[in-house]
Amino acid sequence: MTVFKKCPHCGSTNMKHVHRSSGGFWECMDCGYKGSHTHEEEKETNPEISW
């Protein structure tokens, strides 16, 4: 399982954590959202194949 950060505005998983001396925030590379709030989504990264 891998956890992805999702943008609360557009739902994109193209998020980048920006570090600042006063703390940090998340930035969406698709819509430009900047803030500390994100959604998390878990996805199976290596699903087992059943025959």
N, C-alpha and C. Protein backbone atom coordinates (compact mmCIF):
# COMPACT_ATOMS: atom_id res chain seq x y z
N MET A 1 0.84 -1.18 0.00
CA MET A 1 0.00 0.00 0.00
C MET A 1 0.88 1.25 0.00
N THR A 2 0.52 2.19 -0.80
CA THR A 2 1.19 3.47 -0.83
C THR A 2 0.15 4.55 -0.55
N VAL A 3 0.53 5.55 0.22
CA VAL A 3 -0.37 6.65 0.55
C VAL A 3 0.01 7.86 -0.31
N PHE A 4 -0.96 8.40 -1.01
CA PHE A 4 -0.76 9.57 -1.85
C PHE A 4 -1.48 10.76 -1.24
N LYS A 5 -0.88 11.93 -1.31
CA LYS A 5 -1.54 13.17 -0.91
C LYS A 5 -2.37 13.66 -2.08
N LYS A 6 -3.61 14.06 -1.78
CA LYS A 6 -4.51 14.57 -2.81
C LYS A 6 -4.87 16.02 -2.52
N CYS A 7 -4.95 16.82 -3.56
CA CYS A 7 -5.34 18.22 -3.44
C CYS A 7 -6.80 18.32 -3.04
N PRO A 8 -7.12 19.12 -2.01
CA PRO A 8 -8.52 19.27 -1.60
C PRO A 8 -9.35 20.09 -2.58
N HIS A 9 -8.71 20.78 -3.52
CA HIS A 9 -9.45 21.61 -4.48
C HIS A 9 -9.76 20.86 -5.78
N CYS A 10 -8.73 20.20 -6.37
CA CYS A 10 -8.95 19.56 -7.67
C CYS A 10 -8.84 18.04 -7.63
N GLY A 11 -8.36 17.46 -6.52
CA GLY A 11 -8.26 16.02 -6.40
C GLY A 11 -7.00 15.42 -6.99
N SER A 12 -6.11 16.24 -7.49
CA SER A 12 -4.87 15.76 -8.10
C SER A 12 -3.94 15.15 -7.06
N THR A 13 -3.17 14.15 -7.44
CA THR A 13 -2.14 13.58 -6.56
C THR A 13 -0.77 14.16 -6.90
N ASN A 14 -0.73 15.18 -7.74
CA ASN A 14 0.52 15.83 -8.13
C ASN A 14 0.85 16.93 -7.11
N MET A 15 1.15 16.49 -5.88
CA MET A 15 1.40 17.40 -4.77
C MET A 15 2.89 17.41 -4.41
N LYS A 16 3.38 18.57 -4.00
CA LYS A 16 4.78 18.74 -3.61
C LYS A 16 4.81 19.42 -2.24
N HIS A 17 5.66 18.91 -1.34
CA HIS A 17 5.79 19.55 -0.04
C HIS A 17 6.88 20.61 -0.14
N VAL A 18 6.54 21.84 0.24
CA VAL A 18 7.46 22.97 0.17
C VAL A 18 7.93 23.27 1.58
N HIS A 19 9.23 23.25 1.79
CA HIS A 19 9.82 23.52 3.11
C HIS A 19 10.18 24.99 3.21
N ARG A 20 9.83 25.59 4.32
CA ARG A 20 10.17 26.99 4.61
C ARG A 20 10.77 27.04 6.02
N SER A 21 11.47 28.09 6.32
CA SER A 21 12.06 28.23 7.65
C SER A 21 10.99 28.34 8.74
N SER A 22 9.83 28.85 8.38
CA SER A 22 8.74 28.99 9.35
C SER A 22 7.81 27.78 9.36
N GLY A 23 8.18 26.74 8.64
CA GLY A 23 7.33 25.55 8.55
C GLY A 23 7.28 25.08 7.11
N GLY A 24 6.19 24.52 6.72
CA GLY A 24 6.04 24.04 5.36
C GLY A 24 4.59 24.00 4.96
N PHE A 25 4.36 23.74 3.68
CA PHE A 25 3.01 23.62 3.17
C PHE A 25 3.02 22.72 1.94
N TRP A 26 1.85 22.30 1.51
CA TRP A 26 1.69 21.49 0.32
C TRP A 26 1.27 22.38 -0.84
N GLU A 27 1.81 22.09 -2.02
CA GLU A 27 1.45 22.83 -3.22
C GLU A 27 1.01 21.85 -4.31
N CYS A 28 -0.14 22.12 -4.91
CA CYS A 28 -0.64 21.31 -6.01
C CYS A 28 -0.01 21.83 -7.30
N MET A 29 0.64 20.95 -8.02
CA MET A 29 1.32 21.35 -9.24
C MET A 29 0.34 21.47 -10.41
N ASP A 30 -0.92 21.05 -10.21
CA ASP A 30 -1.92 21.15 -11.28
C ASP A 30 -2.77 22.41 -11.18
N CYS A 31 -3.32 22.70 -9.98
CA CYS A 31 -4.22 23.86 -9.86
C CYS A 31 -3.61 25.03 -9.10
N GLY A 32 -2.45 24.80 -8.45
CA GLY A 32 -1.78 25.90 -7.74
C GLY A 32 -2.19 26.06 -6.29
N TYR A 33 -3.04 25.18 -5.76
CA TYR A 33 -3.43 25.25 -4.35
C TYR A 33 -2.19 25.22 -3.47
N LYS A 34 -2.17 26.06 -2.44
CA LYS A 34 -1.11 26.05 -1.43
C LYS A 34 -1.75 26.06 -0.07
N GLY A 35 -1.35 25.12 0.80
CA GLY A 35 -1.91 25.06 2.14
C GLY A 35 -1.42 23.84 2.89
N SER A 36 -1.80 23.77 4.15
CA SER A 36 -1.36 22.66 4.98
C SER A 36 -2.32 21.48 4.94
N HIS A 37 -3.54 21.69 4.42
CA HIS A 37 -4.55 20.63 4.41
C HIS A 37 -4.49 19.85 3.10
N THR A 38 -4.42 18.51 3.20
CA THR A 38 -4.50 17.64 2.04
C THR A 38 -5.38 16.45 2.39
N HIS A 39 -5.80 15.73 1.39
CA HIS A 39 -6.50 14.46 1.59
C HIS A 39 -5.49 13.35 1.32
N GLU A 40 -5.72 12.18 1.92
CA GLU A 40 -4.84 11.05 1.67
C GLU A 40 -5.63 9.94 1.00
N GLU A 41 -4.96 9.25 0.08
CA GLU A 41 -5.57 8.13 -0.62
C GLU A 41 -4.59 6.97 -0.61
N GLU A 42 -5.05 5.80 -0.22
CA GLU A 42 -4.21 4.61 -0.23
C GLU A 42 -4.48 3.84 -1.51
N LYS A 43 -3.39 3.40 -2.16
CA LYS A 43 -3.52 2.60 -3.37
C LYS A 43 -2.62 1.39 -3.26
N GLU A 44 -3.09 0.30 -3.80
CA GLU A 44 -2.29 -0.92 -3.86
C GLU A 44 -1.26 -0.72 -4.97
N THR A 45 0.02 -0.80 -4.61
CA THR A 45 1.06 -0.56 -5.60
C THR A 45 1.49 -1.82 -6.32
N ASN A 46 1.25 -2.97 -5.74
CA ASN A 46 1.63 -4.23 -6.36
C ASN A 46 0.52 -5.26 -6.10
N PRO A 47 -0.62 -5.09 -6.79
CA PRO A 47 -1.72 -6.00 -6.52
C PRO A 47 -1.39 -7.43 -6.95
N GLU A 48 -1.88 -8.39 -6.18
CA GLU A 48 -1.68 -9.79 -6.52
C GLU A 48 -2.65 -10.16 -7.64
N ILE A 49 -2.16 -10.94 -8.57
CA ILE A 49 -2.99 -11.37 -9.68
C ILE A 49 -3.62 -12.70 -9.30
N SER A 50 -4.92 -12.79 -9.39
CA SER A 50 -5.59 -14.06 -9.08
C SER A 50 -6.04 -14.69 -10.39
N TRP A 51 -5.81 -15.95 -10.54
CA TRP A 51 -6.17 -16.68 -11.75
C TRP A 51 -7.38 -17.49 -11.51
